[in-house]
mmCIF file of all heavy atoms, coordinates in Angstrom:
data_MODEL
# 
_entry.id   MODEL 
# 
loop_
_atom_site.group_PDB 
_atom_site.id 
_atom_site.type_symbol 
_atom_site.label_atom_id 
_atom_site.label_alt_id 
_atom_site.label_comp_id 
_atom_site.label_asym_id 
_atom_site.label_entity_id 
_atom_site.label_seq_id 
_atom_site.pdbx_PDB_ins_code 
_atom_site.Cartn_x 
_atom_site.Cartn_y 
_atom_site.Cartn_z 
_atom_site.occupancy 
_atom_site.B_iso_or_equiv 
_atom_site.pdbx_formal_charge 
_atom_site.auth_seq_id 
_atom_site.auth_comp_id 
_atom_site.auth_asym_id 
_atom_site.auth_atom_id 
_atom_site.pdbx_PDB_model_num 
ATOM 1   N N   . THR A 1 1  ? -52.467 -160.225 101.842 1.00 0.00 ? 1  THR A N   1 
ATOM 2   C CA  . THR A 1 1  ? -52.130 -161.510 101.240 1.00 0.00 ? 1  THR A CA  1 
ATOM 3   C C   . THR A 1 1  ? -50.708 -161.442 100.701 1.00 0.00 ? 1  THR A C   1 
ATOM 4   O O   . THR A 1 1  ? -50.361 -160.521 99.957  1.00 0.00 ? 1  THR A O   1 
ATOM 5   C CB  . THR A 1 1  ? -53.110 -161.855 100.105 1.00 0.00 ? 1  THR A CB  1 
ATOM 6   O OG1 . THR A 1 1  ? -54.434 -161.894 100.626 1.00 0.00 ? 1  THR A OG1 1 
ATOM 7   C CG2 . THR A 1 1  ? -52.768 -163.207 99.492  1.00 0.00 ? 1  THR A CG2 1 
ATOM 8   N N   . VAL A 1 2  ? -49.887 -162.418 101.074 1.00 0.00 ? 2  VAL A N   1 
ATOM 9   C CA  . VAL A 1 2  ? -48.485 -162.424 100.656 1.00 0.00 ? 2  VAL A CA  1 
ATOM 10  C C   . VAL A 1 2  ? -48.137 -163.772 100.041 1.00 0.00 ? 2  VAL A C   1 
ATOM 11  O O   . VAL A 1 2  ? -48.801 -164.779 100.287 1.00 0.00 ? 2  VAL A O   1 
ATOM 12  C CB  . VAL A 1 2  ? -47.542 -162.149 101.853 1.00 0.00 ? 2  VAL A CB  1 
ATOM 13  C CG1 . VAL A 1 2  ? -47.790 -160.787 102.429 1.00 0.00 ? 2  VAL A CG1 1 
ATOM 14  C CG2 . VAL A 1 2  ? -47.691 -163.230 102.916 1.00 0.00 ? 2  VAL A CG2 1 
ATOM 15  N N   . LEU A 1 3  ? -47.090 -163.782 99.221  1.00 0.00 ? 3  LEU A N   1 
ATOM 16  C CA  . LEU A 1 3  ? -46.559 -165.018 98.655  1.00 0.00 ? 3  LEU A CA  1 
ATOM 17  C C   . LEU A 1 3  ? -45.551 -165.578 99.649  1.00 0.00 ? 3  LEU A C   1 
ATOM 18  O O   . LEU A 1 3  ? -44.463 -165.028 99.816  1.00 0.00 ? 3  LEU A O   1 
ATOM 19  C CB  . LEU A 1 3  ? -45.889 -164.736 97.309  1.00 0.00 ? 3  LEU A CB  1 
ATOM 20  C CG  . LEU A 1 3  ? -45.383 -165.952 96.522  1.00 0.00 ? 3  LEU A CG  1 
ATOM 21  C CD1 . LEU A 1 3  ? -46.539 -166.880 96.164  1.00 0.00 ? 3  LEU A CD1 1 
ATOM 22  C CD2 . LEU A 1 3  ? -44.648 -165.484 95.266  1.00 0.00 ? 3  LEU A CD2 1 
ATOM 23  N N   . ASP A 1 4  ? -45.911 -166.649 100.315 1.00 0.00 ? 4  ASP A N   1 
ATOM 24  C CA  . ASP A 1 4  ? -45.131 -167.162 101.446 1.00 0.00 ? 4  ASP A CA  1 
ATOM 25  C C   . ASP A 1 4  ? -44.203 -168.285 101.009 1.00 0.00 ? 4  ASP A C   1 
ATOM 26  O O   . ASP A 1 4  ? -44.444 -169.463 101.290 1.00 0.00 ? 4  ASP A O   1 
ATOM 27  C CB  . ASP A 1 4  ? -46.086 -167.643 102.537 1.00 0.00 ? 4  ASP A CB  1 
ATOM 28  C CG  . ASP A 1 4  ? -45.386 -167.893 103.863 1.00 0.00 ? 4  ASP A CG  1 
ATOM 29  O OD1 . ASP A 1 4  ? -44.229 -167.452 104.013 1.00 0.00 ? 4  ASP A OD1 1 
ATOM 30  O OD2 . ASP A 1 4  ? -45.992 -168.537 104.740 1.00 0.00 ? 4  ASP A OD2 1 
ATOM 31  N N   . VAL A 1 5  ? -43.120 -167.943 100.307 1.00 0.00 ? 5  VAL A N   1 
ATOM 32  C CA  . VAL A 1 5  ? -42.181 -168.966 99.841  1.00 0.00 ? 5  VAL A CA  1 
ATOM 33  C C   . VAL A 1 5  ? -40.764 -168.744 100.371 1.00 0.00 ? 5  VAL A C   1 
ATOM 34  O O   . VAL A 1 5  ? -39.876 -169.553 100.118 1.00 0.00 ? 5  VAL A O   1 
ATOM 35  C CB  . VAL A 1 5  ? -42.139 -169.025 98.292  1.00 0.00 ? 5  VAL A CB  1 
ATOM 36  C CG1 . VAL A 1 5  ? -43.463 -169.465 97.728  1.00 0.00 ? 5  VAL A CG1 1 
ATOM 37  C CG2 . VAL A 1 5  ? -41.708 -167.688 97.708  1.00 0.00 ? 5  VAL A CG2 1 
ATOM 38  N N   . ASP A 1 6  ? -40.550 -167.666 101.095 1.00 0.00 ? 6  ASP A N   1 
ATOM 39  C CA  . ASP A 1 6  ? -39.208 -167.332 101.565 1.00 0.00 ? 6  ASP A CA  1 
ATOM 40  C C   . ASP A 1 6  ? -39.019 -167.654 103.044 1.00 0.00 ? 6  ASP A C   1 
ATOM 41  O O   . ASP A 1 6  ? -39.951 -167.542 103.837 1.00 0.00 ? 6  ASP A O   1 
ATOM 42  C CB  . ASP A 1 6  ? -38.928 -165.840 101.371 1.00 0.00 ? 6  ASP A CB  1 
ATOM 43  C CG  . ASP A 1 6  ? -38.935 -165.424 99.914  1.00 0.00 ? 6  ASP A CG  1 
ATOM 44  O OD1 . ASP A 1 6  ? -38.716 -166.304 99.049  1.00 0.00 ? 6  ASP A OD1 1 
ATOM 45  O OD2 . ASP A 1 6  ? -39.151 -164.232 99.642  1.00 0.00 ? 6  ASP A OD2 1 
ATOM 46  N N   . ILE A 1 7  ? -37.802 -168.032 103.392 1.00 0.00 ? 7  ILE A N   1 
ATOM 47  C CA  . ILE A 1 7  ? -37.374 -168.115 104.783 1.00 0.00 ? 7  ILE A CA  1 
ATOM 48  C C   . ILE A 1 7  ? -36.313 -167.037 104.957 1.00 0.00 ? 7  ILE A C   1 
ATOM 49  O O   . ILE A 1 7  ? -35.270 -167.064 104.303 1.00 0.00 ? 7  ILE A O   1 
ATOM 50  C CB  . ILE A 1 7  ? -36.816 -169.502 105.136 1.00 0.00 ? 7  ILE A CB  1 
ATOM 51  C CG1 . ILE A 1 7  ? -37.920 -170.554 104.988 1.00 0.00 ? 7  ILE A CG1 1 
ATOM 52  C CG2 . ILE A 1 7  ? -36.258 -169.520 106.558 1.00 0.00 ? 7  ILE A CG2 1 
ATOM 53  C CD1 . ILE A 1 7  ? -37.476 -171.974 105.231 1.00 0.00 ? 7  ILE A CD1 1 
ATOM 54  N N   . VAL A 1 8  ? -36.594 -166.069 105.804 1.00 0.00 ? 8  VAL A N   1 
ATOM 55  C CA  . VAL A 1 8  ? -35.753 -164.874 105.913 1.00 0.00 ? 8  VAL A CA  1 
ATOM 56  C C   . VAL A 1 8  ? -34.371 -165.223 106.458 1.00 0.00 ? 8  VAL A C   1 
ATOM 57  O O   . VAL A 1 8  ? -34.236 -166.025 107.389 1.00 0.00 ? 8  VAL A O   1 
ATOM 58  C CB  . VAL A 1 8  ? -36.428 -163.827 106.822 1.00 0.00 ? 8  VAL A CB  1 
ATOM 59  C CG1 . VAL A 1 8  ? -35.548 -162.595 106.986 1.00 0.00 ? 8  VAL A CG1 1 
ATOM 60  C CG2 . VAL A 1 8  ? -37.781 -163.432 106.247 1.00 0.00 ? 8  VAL A CG2 1 
ATOM 61  N N   . ASP A 1 9  ? -33.344 -164.614 105.880 1.00 0.00 ? 9  ASP A N   1 
ATOM 62  C CA  . ASP A 1 9  ? -31.974 -164.804 106.335 1.00 0.00 ? 9  ASP A CA  1 
ATOM 63  C C   . ASP A 1 9  ? -31.800 -164.177 107.719 1.00 0.00 ? 9  ASP A C   1 
ATOM 64  O O   . ASP A 1 9  ? -31.991 -162.974 107.895 1.00 0.00 ? 9  ASP A O   1 
ATOM 65  C CB  . ASP A 1 9  ? -31.019 -164.150 105.341 1.00 0.00 ? 9  ASP A CB  1 
ATOM 66  C CG  . ASP A 1 9  ? -29.550 -164.394 105.676 1.00 0.00 ? 9  ASP A CG  1 
ATOM 67  O OD1 . ASP A 1 9  ? -29.275 -165.003 106.728 1.00 0.00 ? 9  ASP A OD1 1 
ATOM 68  O OD2 . ASP A 1 9  ? -28.705 -163.964 104.883 1.00 0.00 ? 9  ASP A OD2 1 
ATOM 69  N N   . ALA A 1 10 ? -31.437 -164.996 108.691 1.00 0.00 ? 10 ALA A N   1 
ATOM 70  C CA  . ALA A 1 10 ? -31.271 -164.498 110.059 1.00 0.00 ? 10 ALA A CA  1 
ATOM 71  C C   . ALA A 1 10 ? -30.081 -163.543 110.182 1.00 0.00 ? 10 ALA A C   1 
ATOM 72  O O   . ALA A 1 10 ? -29.949 -162.840 111.177 1.00 0.00 ? 10 ALA A O   1 
ATOM 73  C CB  . ALA A 1 10 ? -31.098 -165.665 111.023 1.00 0.00 ? 10 ALA A CB  1 
ATOM 74  N N   . HIS A 1 11 ? -29.210 -163.518 109.180 1.00 0.00 ? 11 HIS A N   1 
ATOM 75  C CA  . HIS A 1 11 ? -28.049 -162.630 109.223 1.00 0.00 ? 11 HIS A CA  1 
ATOM 76  C C   . HIS A 1 11 ? -28.259 -161.358 108.406 1.00 0.00 ? 11 HIS A C   1 
ATOM 77  O O   . HIS A 1 11 ? -27.333 -160.561 108.260 1.00 0.00 ? 11 HIS A O   1 
ATOM 78  C CB  . HIS A 1 11 ? -26.814 -163.366 108.695 1.00 0.00 ? 11 HIS A CB  1 
ATOM 79  C CG  . HIS A 1 11 ? -26.475 -164.602 109.468 1.00 0.00 ? 11 HIS A CG  1 
ATOM 80  N ND1 . HIS A 1 11 ? -26.740 -165.865 108.986 1.00 0.00 ? 11 HIS A ND1 1 
ATOM 81  C CD2 . HIS A 1 11 ? -25.938 -164.760 110.691 1.00 0.00 ? 11 HIS A CD2 1 
ATOM 82  C CE1 . HIS A 1 11 ? -26.354 -166.757 109.885 1.00 0.00 ? 11 HIS A CE1 1 
ATOM 83  N NE2 . HIS A 1 11 ? -25.869 -166.120 110.930 1.00 0.00 ? 11 HIS A NE2 1 
ATOM 84  N N   . ALA A 1 12 ? -29.479 -161.187 107.870 1.00 0.00 ? 12 ALA A N   1 
ATOM 85  C CA  . ALA A 1 12 ? -29.744 -160.016 107.048 1.00 0.00 ? 12 ALA A CA  1 
ATOM 86  C C   . ALA A 1 12 ? -29.637 -158.744 107.879 1.00 0.00 ? 12 ALA A C   1 
ATOM 87  O O   . ALA A 1 12 ? -30.000 -158.714 109.051 1.00 0.00 ? 12 ALA A O   1 
ATOM 88  C CB  . ALA A 1 12 ? -31.136 -160.117 106.423 1.00 0.00 ? 12 ALA A CB  1 
ATOM 89  N N   . GLU A 1 13 ? -29.162 -157.694 107.251 1.00 0.00 ? 13 GLU A N   1 
ATOM 90  C CA  . GLU A 1 13 ? -28.967 -156.432 107.954 1.00 0.00 ? 13 GLU A CA  1 
ATOM 91  C C   . GLU A 1 13 ? -30.285 -155.813 108.408 1.00 0.00 ? 13 GLU A C   1 
ATOM 92  O O   . GLU A 1 13 ? -30.311 -155.012 109.336 1.00 0.00 ? 13 GLU A O   1 
ATOM 93  C CB  . GLU A 1 13 ? -28.220 -155.445 107.051 1.00 0.00 ? 13 GLU A CB  1 
ATOM 94  C CG  . GLU A 1 13 ? -26.777 -155.855 106.761 1.00 0.00 ? 13 GLU A CG  1 
ATOM 95  C CD  . GLU A 1 13 ? -26.066 -154.831 105.903 1.00 0.00 ? 13 GLU A CD  1 
ATOM 96  O OE1 . GLU A 1 13 ? -26.678 -153.796 105.597 1.00 0.00 ? 13 GLU A OE1 1 
ATOM 97  O OE2 . GLU A 1 13 ? -24.904 -155.069 105.533 1.00 0.00 ? 13 GLU A OE2 1 
ATOM 98  N N   . SER A 1 14 ? -31.381 -156.199 107.753 1.00 0.00 ? 14 SER A N   1 
ATOM 99  C CA  . SER A 1 14 ? -32.670 -155.617 108.109 1.00 0.00 ? 14 SER A CA  1 
ATOM 100 C C   . SER A 1 14 ? -33.106 -156.004 109.512 1.00 0.00 ? 14 SER A C   1 
ATOM 101 O O   . SER A 1 14 ? -33.943 -155.352 110.127 1.00 0.00 ? 14 SER A O   1 
ATOM 102 C CB  . SER A 1 14 ? -33.746 -156.084 107.114 1.00 0.00 ? 14 SER A CB  1 
ATOM 103 O OG  . SER A 1 14 ? -33.937 -157.483 107.220 1.00 0.00 ? 14 SER A OG  1 
ATOM 104 N N   . GLY A 1 15 ? -32.553 -157.102 110.027 1.00 0.00 ? 15 GLY A N   1 
ATOM 105 C CA  . GLY A 1 15 ? -32.905 -157.541 111.374 1.00 0.00 ? 15 GLY A CA  1 
ATOM 106 C C   . GLY A 1 15 ? -34.216 -158.297 111.451 1.00 0.00 ? 15 GLY A C   1 
ATOM 107 O O   . GLY A 1 15 ? -34.683 -158.640 112.538 1.00 0.00 ? 15 GLY A O   1 
ATOM 108 N N   . ARG A 1 16 ? -34.844 -158.578 110.294 1.00 0.00 ? 16 ARG A N   1 
ATOM 109 C CA  . ARG A 1 16 ? -36.115 -159.285 110.303 1.00 0.00 ? 16 ARG A CA  1 
ATOM 110 C C   . ARG A 1 16 ? -35.938 -160.769 110.589 1.00 0.00 ? 16 ARG A C   1 
ATOM 111 O O   . ARG A 1 16 ? -36.880 -161.448 110.934 1.00 0.00 ? 16 ARG A O   1 
ATOM 112 C CB  . ARG A 1 16 ? -36.830 -159.100 108.958 1.00 0.00 ? 16 ARG A CB  1 
ATOM 113 C CG  . ARG A 1 16 ? -37.264 -157.675 108.688 1.00 0.00 ? 16 ARG A CG  1 
ATOM 114 C CD  . ARG A 1 16 ? -38.032 -157.563 107.381 1.00 0.00 ? 16 ARG A CD  1 
ATOM 115 N NE  . ARG A 1 16 ? -37.211 -157.958 106.247 1.00 0.00 ? 16 ARG A NE  1 
ATOM 116 C CZ  . ARG A 1 16 ? -37.509 -158.955 105.431 1.00 0.00 ? 16 ARG A CZ  1 
ATOM 117 N NH1 . ARG A 1 16 ? -38.595 -159.671 105.633 1.00 0.00 ? 16 ARG A NH1 1 
ATOM 118 N NH2 . ARG A 1 16 ? -36.732 -159.251 104.411 1.00 0.00 ? 16 ARG A NH2 1 
ATOM 119 N N   . GLY A 1 17 ? -34.740 -161.270 110.404 1.00 0.00 ? 17 GLY A N   1 
ATOM 120 C CA  . GLY A 1 17 ? -34.498 -162.689 110.600 1.00 0.00 ? 17 GLY A CA  1 
ATOM 121 C C   . GLY A 1 17 ? -34.234 -163.025 112.061 1.00 0.00 ? 17 GLY A C   1 
ATOM 122 O O   . GLY A 1 17 ? -33.808 -162.189 112.848 1.00 0.00 ? 17 GLY A O   1 
ATOM 123 N N   . SER A 1 18 ? -34.511 -164.242 112.408 1.00 0.00 ? 18 SER A N   1 
ATOM 124 C CA  . SER A 1 18 ? -34.284 -164.718 113.768 1.00 0.00 ? 18 SER A CA  1 
ATOM 125 C C   . SER A 1 18 ? -34.022 -166.211 113.722 1.00 0.00 ? 18 SER A C   1 
ATOM 126 O O   . SER A 1 18 ? -34.828 -166.967 113.181 1.00 0.00 ? 18 SER A O   1 
ATOM 127 C CB  . SER A 1 18 ? -35.499 -164.430 114.645 1.00 0.00 ? 18 SER A CB  1 
ATOM 128 O OG  . SER A 1 18 ? -35.453 -165.196 115.837 1.00 0.00 ? 18 SER A OG  1 
ATOM 129 N N   . HIS A 1 19 ? -32.876 -166.650 114.281 1.00 0.00 ? 19 HIS A N   1 
ATOM 130 C CA  . HIS A 1 19 ? -32.587 -168.081 114.306 1.00 0.00 ? 19 HIS A CA  1 
ATOM 131 C C   . HIS A 1 19 ? -33.668 -168.843 115.065 1.00 0.00 ? 19 HIS A C   1 
ATOM 132 O O   . HIS A 1 19 ? -34.052 -169.947 114.680 1.00 0.00 ? 19 HIS A O   1 
ATOM 133 C CB  . HIS A 1 19 ? -31.225 -168.329 114.960 1.00 0.00 ? 19 HIS A CB  1 
ATOM 134 C CG  . HIS A 1 19 ? -30.065 -167.921 114.107 1.00 0.00 ? 19 HIS A CG  1 
ATOM 135 N ND1 . HIS A 1 19 ? -29.475 -166.689 114.205 1.00 0.00 ? 19 HIS A ND1 1 
ATOM 136 C CD2 . HIS A 1 19 ? -29.400 -168.578 113.141 1.00 0.00 ? 19 HIS A CD2 1 
ATOM 137 C CE1 . HIS A 1 19 ? -28.475 -166.606 113.335 1.00 0.00 ? 19 HIS A CE1 1 
ATOM 138 N NE2 . HIS A 1 19 ? -28.409 -167.743 112.674 1.00 0.00 ? 19 HIS A NE2 1 
ATOM 139 N N   . ARG A 1 20 ? -34.137 -168.261 116.138 1.00 0.00 ? 20 ARG A N   1 
ATOM 140 C CA  . ARG A 1 20 ? -35.146 -168.941 116.956 1.00 0.00 ? 20 ARG A CA  1 
ATOM 141 C C   . ARG A 1 20 ? -36.415 -169.217 116.137 1.00 0.00 ? 20 ARG A C   1 
ATOM 142 O O   . ARG A 1 20 ? -37.057 -170.246 116.314 1.00 0.00 ? 20 ARG A O   1 
ATOM 143 C CB  . ARG A 1 20 ? -35.484 -168.096 118.187 1.00 0.00 ? 20 ARG A CB  1 
ATOM 144 C CG  . ARG A 1 20 ? -36.411 -168.803 119.191 1.00 0.00 ? 20 ARG A CG  1 
ATOM 145 C CD  . ARG A 1 20 ? -36.665 -167.906 120.379 1.00 0.00 ? 20 ARG A CD  1 
ATOM 146 N NE  . ARG A 1 20 ? -35.439 -167.605 121.099 1.00 0.00 ? 20 ARG A NE  1 
ATOM 147 C CZ  . ARG A 1 20 ? -34.878 -168.413 121.999 1.00 0.00 ? 20 ARG A CZ  1 
ATOM 148 N NH1 . ARG A 1 20 ? -35.435 -169.577 122.280 1.00 0.00 ? 20 ARG A NH1 1 
ATOM 149 N NH2 . ARG A 1 20 ? -33.761 -168.056 122.611 1.00 0.00 ? 20 ARG A NH2 1 
ATOM 150 N N   . ARG A 1 21 ? -36.771 -168.291 115.250 1.00 0.00 ? 21 ARG A N   1 
ATOM 151 C CA  . ARG A 1 21 ? -37.950 -168.470 114.418 1.00 0.00 ? 21 ARG A CA  1 
ATOM 152 C C   . ARG A 1 21 ? -37.638 -169.244 113.139 1.00 0.00 ? 21 ARG A C   1 
ATOM 153 O O   . ARG A 1 21 ? -38.420 -170.079 112.692 1.00 0.00 ? 21 ARG A O   1 
ATOM 154 C CB  . ARG A 1 21 ? -38.546 -167.110 114.058 1.00 0.00 ? 21 ARG A CB  1 
ATOM 155 C CG  . ARG A 1 21 ? -39.803 -167.208 113.197 1.00 0.00 ? 21 ARG A CG  1 
ATOM 156 C CD  . ARG A 1 21 ? -40.416 -165.846 112.914 1.00 0.00 ? 21 ARG A CD  1 
ATOM 157 N NE  . ARG A 1 21 ? -39.556 -165.009 112.081 1.00 0.00 ? 21 ARG A NE  1 
ATOM 158 C CZ  . ARG A 1 21 ? -38.916 -163.940 112.503 1.00 0.00 ? 21 ARG A CZ  1 
ATOM 159 N NH1 . ARG A 1 21 ? -39.010 -163.564 113.768 1.00 0.00 ? 21 ARG A NH1 1 
ATOM 160 N NH2 . ARG A 1 21 ? -38.156 -163.225 111.696 1.00 0.00 ? 21 ARG A NH2 1 
ATOM 161 N N   . ASN A 1 22 ? -36.480 -168.983 112.527 1.00 0.00 ? 22 ASN A N   1 
ATOM 162 C CA  . ASN A 1 22 ? -36.169 -169.553 111.224 1.00 0.00 ? 22 ASN A CA  1 
ATOM 163 C C   . ASN A 1 22 ? -35.853 -171.038 111.256 1.00 0.00 ? 22 ASN A C   1 
ATOM 164 O O   . ASN A 1 22 ? -36.214 -171.779 110.332 1.00 0.00 ? 22 ASN A O   1 
ATOM 165 C CB  . ASN A 1 22 ? -34.982 -168.810 110.597 1.00 0.00 ? 22 ASN A CB  1 
ATOM 166 C CG  . ASN A 1 22 ? -35.350 -167.399 110.200 1.00 0.00 ? 22 ASN A CG  1 
ATOM 167 O OD1 . ASN A 1 22 ? -36.443 -166.931 110.480 1.00 0.00 ? 22 ASN A OD1 1 
ATOM 168 N ND2 . ASN A 1 22 ? -34.424 -166.729 109.545 1.00 0.00 ? 22 ASN A ND2 1 
ATOM 169 N N   . ILE A 1 23 ? -35.174 -171.493 112.298 1.00 0.00 ? 23 ILE A N   1 
ATOM 170 C CA  . ILE A 1 23 ? -34.778 -172.903 112.322 1.00 0.00 ? 23 ILE A CA  1 
ATOM 171 C C   . ILE A 1 23 ? -35.982 -173.840 112.376 1.00 0.00 ? 23 ILE A C   1 
ATOM 172 O O   . ILE A 1 23 ? -36.017 -174.838 111.647 1.00 0.00 ? 23 ILE A O   1 
ATOM 173 C CB  . ILE A 1 23 ? -33.770 -173.171 113.462 1.00 0.00 ? 23 ILE A CB  1 
ATOM 174 C CG1 . ILE A 1 23 ? -32.419 -172.534 113.080 1.00 0.00 ? 23 ILE A CG1 1 
ATOM 175 C CG2 . ILE A 1 23 ? -33.608 -174.674 113.711 1.00 0.00 ? 23 ILE A CG2 1 
ATOM 176 C CD1 . ILE A 1 23 ? -31.339 -172.677 114.114 1.00 0.00 ? 23 ILE A CD1 1 
ATOM 177 N N   . PRO A 1 24 ? -37.017 -173.555 113.180 1.00 0.00 ? 24 PRO A N   1 
ATOM 178 C CA  . PRO A 1 24 ? -38.218 -174.401 113.091 1.00 0.00 ? 24 PRO A CA  1 
ATOM 179 C C   . PRO A 1 24 ? -38.855 -174.373 111.704 1.00 0.00 ? 24 PRO A C   1 
ATOM 180 O O   . PRO A 1 24 ? -39.372 -175.388 111.231 1.00 0.00 ? 24 PRO A O   1 
ATOM 181 C CB  . PRO A 1 24 ? -39.147 -173.793 114.149 1.00 0.00 ? 24 PRO A CB  1 
ATOM 182 C CG  . PRO A 1 24 ? -38.225 -173.163 115.137 1.00 0.00 ? 24 PRO A CG  1 
ATOM 183 C CD  . PRO A 1 24 ? -37.112 -172.607 114.307 1.00 0.00 ? 24 PRO A CD  1 
ATOM 184 N N   . GLU A 1 25 ? -38.827 -173.221 111.043 1.00 0.00 ? 25 GLU A N   1 
ATOM 185 C CA  . GLU A 1 25 ? -39.377 -173.126 109.692 1.00 0.00 ? 25 GLU A CA  1 
ATOM 186 C C   . GLU A 1 25 ? -38.567 -173.990 108.733 1.00 0.00 ? 25 GLU A C   1 
ATOM 187 O O   . GLU A 1 25 ? -39.122 -174.700 107.883 1.00 0.00 ? 25 GLU A O   1 
ATOM 188 C CB  . GLU A 1 25 ? -39.380 -171.675 109.221 1.00 0.00 ? 25 GLU A CB  1 
ATOM 189 C CG  . GLU A 1 25 ? -40.360 -170.775 109.972 1.00 0.00 ? 25 GLU A CG  1 
ATOM 190 C CD  . GLU A 1 25 ? -40.304 -169.341 109.491 1.00 0.00 ? 25 GLU A CD  1 
ATOM 191 O OE1 . GLU A 1 25 ? -39.459 -169.031 108.625 1.00 0.00 ? 25 GLU A OE1 1 
ATOM 192 O OE2 . GLU A 1 25 ? -41.114 -168.523 109.972 1.00 0.00 ? 25 GLU A OE2 1 
ATOM 193 N N   . LEU A 1 26 ? -37.249 -173.926 108.856 1.00 0.00 ? 26 LEU A N   1 
ATOM 194 C CA  . LEU A 1 26 ? -36.377 -174.751 108.021 1.00 0.00 ? 26 LEU A CA  1 
ATOM 195 C C   . LEU A 1 26 ? -36.585 -176.233 108.306 1.00 0.00 ? 26 LEU A C   1 
ATOM 196 O O   . LEU A 1 26 ? -36.656 -177.058 107.389 1.00 0.00 ? 26 LEU A O   1 
ATOM 197 C CB  . LEU A 1 26 ? -34.909 -174.380 108.256 1.00 0.00 ? 26 LEU A CB  1 
ATOM 198 C CG  . LEU A 1 26 ? -34.382 -173.149 107.527 1.00 0.00 ? 26 LEU A CG  1 
ATOM 199 C CD1 . LEU A 1 26 ? -33.016 -172.769 108.072 1.00 0.00 ? 26 LEU A CD1 1 
ATOM 200 C CD2 . LEU A 1 26 ? -34.297 -173.415 106.029 1.00 0.00 ? 26 LEU A CD2 1 
ATOM 201 N N   . THR A 1 27 ? -36.677 -176.575 109.589 1.00 0.00 ? 27 THR A N   1 
ATOM 202 C CA  . THR A 1 27 ? -36.869 -177.970 109.965 1.00 0.00 ? 27 THR A CA  1 
ATOM 203 C C   . THR A 1 27 ? -38.143 -178.523 109.342 1.00 0.00 ? 27 THR A C   1 
ATOM 204 O O   . THR A 1 27 ? -38.165 -179.644 108.822 1.00 0.00 ? 27 THR A O   1 
ATOM 205 C CB  . THR A 1 27 ? -36.940 -178.111 111.495 1.00 0.00 ? 27 THR A CB  1 
ATOM 206 O OG1 . THR A 1 27 ? -35.715 -177.632 112.063 1.00 0.00 ? 27 THR A OG1 1 
ATOM 207 C CG2 . THR A 1 27 ? -37.137 -179.559 111.901 1.00 0.00 ? 27 THR A CG2 1 
ATOM 208 N N   . SER A 1 28 ? -39.209 -177.744 109.375 1.00 0.00 ? 28 SER A N   1 
ATOM 209 C CA  . SER A 1 28 ? -40.473 -178.174 108.803 1.00 0.00 ? 28 SER A CA  1 
ATOM 210 C C   . SER A 1 28 ? -40.374 -178.353 107.290 1.00 0.00 ? 28 SER A C   1 
ATOM 211 O O   . SER A 1 28 ? -40.821 -179.370 106.740 1.00 0.00 ? 28 SER A O   1 
ATOM 212 C CB  . SER A 1 28 ? -41.566 -177.145 109.134 1.00 0.00 ? 28 SER A CB  1 
ATOM 213 O OG  . SER A 1 28 ? -42.786 -177.485 108.516 1.00 0.00 ? 28 SER A OG  1 
ATOM 214 N N   . ALA A 1 29 ? -39.770 -177.373 106.606 1.00 0.00 ? 29 ALA A N   1 
ATOM 215 C CA  . ALA A 1 29 ? -39.668 -177.439 105.145 1.00 0.00 ? 29 ALA A CA  1 
ATOM 216 C C   . ALA A 1 29 ? -38.746 -178.565 104.701 1.00 0.00 ? 29 ALA A C   1 
ATOM 217 O O   . ALA A 1 29 ? -39.055 -179.310 103.761 1.00 0.00 ? 29 ALA A O   1 
ATOM 218 C CB  . ALA A 1 29 ? -39.169 -176.101 104.600 1.00 0.00 ? 29 ALA A CB  1 
ATOM 219 N N   . VAL A 1 30 ? -37.597 -178.711 105.375 1.00 0.00 ? 30 VAL A N   1 
ATOM 220 C CA  . VAL A 1 30 ? -36.668 -179.789 105.034 1.00 0.00 ? 30 VAL A CA  1 
ATOM 221 C C   . VAL A 1 30 ? -37.321 -181.140 105.286 1.00 0.00 ? 30 VAL A C   1 
ATOM 222 O O   . VAL A 1 30 ? -37.206 -182.071 104.490 1.00 0.00 ? 30 VAL A O   1 
ATOM 223 C CB  . VAL A 1 30 ? -35.356 -179.673 105.831 1.00 0.00 ? 30 VAL A CB  1 
ATOM 224 C CG1 . VAL A 1 30 ? -34.477 -180.893 105.606 1.00 0.00 ? 30 VAL A CG1 1 
ATOM 225 C CG2 . VAL A 1 30 ? -34.601 -178.419 105.426 1.00 0.00 ? 30 VAL A CG2 1 
ATOM 226 N N   . GLY A 1 31 ? -38.020 -181.262 106.414 1.00 0.00 ? 31 GLY A N   1 
ATOM 227 C CA  . GLY A 1 31 ? -38.678 -182.515 106.743 1.00 0.00 ? 31 GLY A CA  1 
ATOM 228 C C   . GLY A 1 31 ? -39.709 -182.896 105.704 1.00 0.00 ? 31 GLY A C   1 
ATOM 229 O O   . GLY A 1 31 ? -39.812 -184.064 105.301 1.00 0.00 ? 31 GLY A O   1 
# 
């Protein structure tokens, strides 16, 4: 179980971010 409030930075050095995944998440939250 996790606290799901973050959208990962696609430019983070960890490499966990992805524009392909993050932009739909942003679009949904902004909408």
